[in-house]
Protein backbone atom coordinates (compact mmCIF):
# COMPACT_ATOMS: atom_id res chain seq x y z
CA MET A 1 9.16 -154.07 -109.98
CA PRO A 2 5.39 -154.13 -109.75
CA ARG A 3 4.54 -151.15 -107.54
CA ALA A 4 2.50 -153.38 -105.16
CA ALA A 5 5.64 -155.49 -104.54
CA VAL A 6 7.77 -152.55 -103.39
CA THR A 7 8.18 -151.95 -99.66
CA ILE A 8 10.16 -148.92 -98.55
CA THR A 9 11.81 -149.02 -95.14
CA GLY A 10 12.49 -145.49 -93.91
CA GLU A 11 9.92 -143.97 -96.24
CA ALA A 12 9.94 -140.76 -94.18
CA HIS A 13 13.42 -140.07 -95.64
CA VAL A 14 12.34 -140.44 -99.27
CA ARG A 15 11.66 -137.27 -101.24
CA TRP A 16 9.78 -137.23 -104.54
CA TYR A 17 10.33 -134.90 -107.47
CA GLN A 18 7.80 -134.70 -110.31
CA SER A 19 10.26 -134.41 -113.21
CA SER A 20 7.57 -134.48 -115.92
CA GLU A 21 3.86 -135.16 -116.39
CA LYS A 22 4.66 -138.85 -116.74
CA VAL A 23 7.45 -139.51 -114.25
CA ARG A 24 8.33 -138.79 -110.65
CA ARG A 25 11.72 -139.56 -109.15
CA GLY A 26 12.42 -140.69 -105.60
CA PHE A 27 15.64 -139.82 -103.84
CA CYS A 28 17.15 -139.88 -100.36
CA GLY A 29 16.22 -136.71 -98.50
CA THR A 30 19.47 -136.91 -96.50
CA CYS A 31 22.19 -137.53 -99.10
CA GLY A 32 20.34 -136.98 -102.39
CA SER A 33 21.02 -140.46 -103.83
CA THR A 34 18.71 -141.53 -106.63
CA LEU A 35 16.46 -144.38 -105.47
CA PHE A 36 13.47 -144.70 -107.83
CA TRP A 37 12.09 -143.78 -111.22
CA ASP A 38 8.32 -144.02 -111.03
CA PRO A 39 6.20 -143.69 -114.19
CA VAL A 40 2.92 -142.20 -112.94
CA PHE A 41 0.65 -143.92 -115.50
CA GLN A 42 2.21 -147.38 -115.14
CA ASP A 43 1.95 -150.00 -112.41
CA TRP A 44 5.68 -150.46 -111.80
CA THR A 45 8.64 -148.64 -110.27
CA ALA A 46 12.24 -148.75 -111.46
CA ILE A 47 14.64 -149.15 -108.53
CA ALA A 48 18.25 -147.94 -108.60
CA MET A 49 20.16 -151.15 -107.89
CA GLY A 50 23.12 -149.16 -106.58
CA ALA A 51 20.96 -148.18 -103.59
CA PHE A 52 21.35 -151.63 -102.00
CA ASP A 53 24.18 -152.44 -99.58
CA THR A 54 23.83 -156.23 -99.57
CA PRO A 55 23.88 -158.85 -102.33
CA THR A 56 20.50 -158.77 -104.10
CA GLN A 57 20.63 -162.00 -106.14
CA THR A 58 19.16 -159.86 -108.94
CA LYS A 59 20.01 -160.43 -112.60
CA LEU A 60 19.82 -157.88 -115.39
CA LYS A 61 17.17 -158.41 -118.07
CA GLN A 62 18.17 -155.79 -120.64
CA HIS A 63 20.05 -152.55 -121.23
CA ILE A 64 18.17 -149.36 -122.06
CA PHE A 65 19.23 -146.02 -123.55
CA VAL A 66 22.35 -147.58 -125.05
CA ALA A 67 22.29 -145.01 -127.88
CA ASP A 68 23.24 -142.45 -125.23
CA LYS A 69 25.92 -144.44 -123.41
CA GLY A 70 29.45 -143.14 -123.18
CA ASP A 71 31.88 -144.45 -125.79
CA TYR A 72 33.99 -145.87 -122.96
CA TYR A 73 31.29 -148.44 -122.07
CA ASP A 74 31.40 -151.87 -123.69
CA ILE A 75 28.28 -153.96 -123.18
CA THR A 76 29.39 -157.52 -123.79
CA ASP A 77 27.05 -159.64 -121.66
CA GLY A 78 24.78 -160.69 -124.55
CA LEU A 79 21.63 -159.15 -123.05
CA PRO A 80 19.19 -157.25 -125.29
CA GLN A 81 20.14 -153.64 -125.93
CA ASN A 82 17.47 -151.01 -126.55
CA ALA A 83 18.53 -147.74 -128.16
CA GLN A 84 15.95 -145.80 -126.11
């Protein structure tokens, strides 16, 4: 999502961890659930879709890091697959 389009309700409960020079990660300060992956030098934020309780009407665009997926996963939806 474009960073400007992201609104966080309950932002006081979000904790950020700078995992590298390029990326910070947001997680729930109460339960530790992963919420965001935020590349510092980009203008977008990746949102963990599993963080939502209600239907999102969101559709996948592509799969990433498929070179590292477990051999028990079959990706058969026809969407683009990026090795990294």
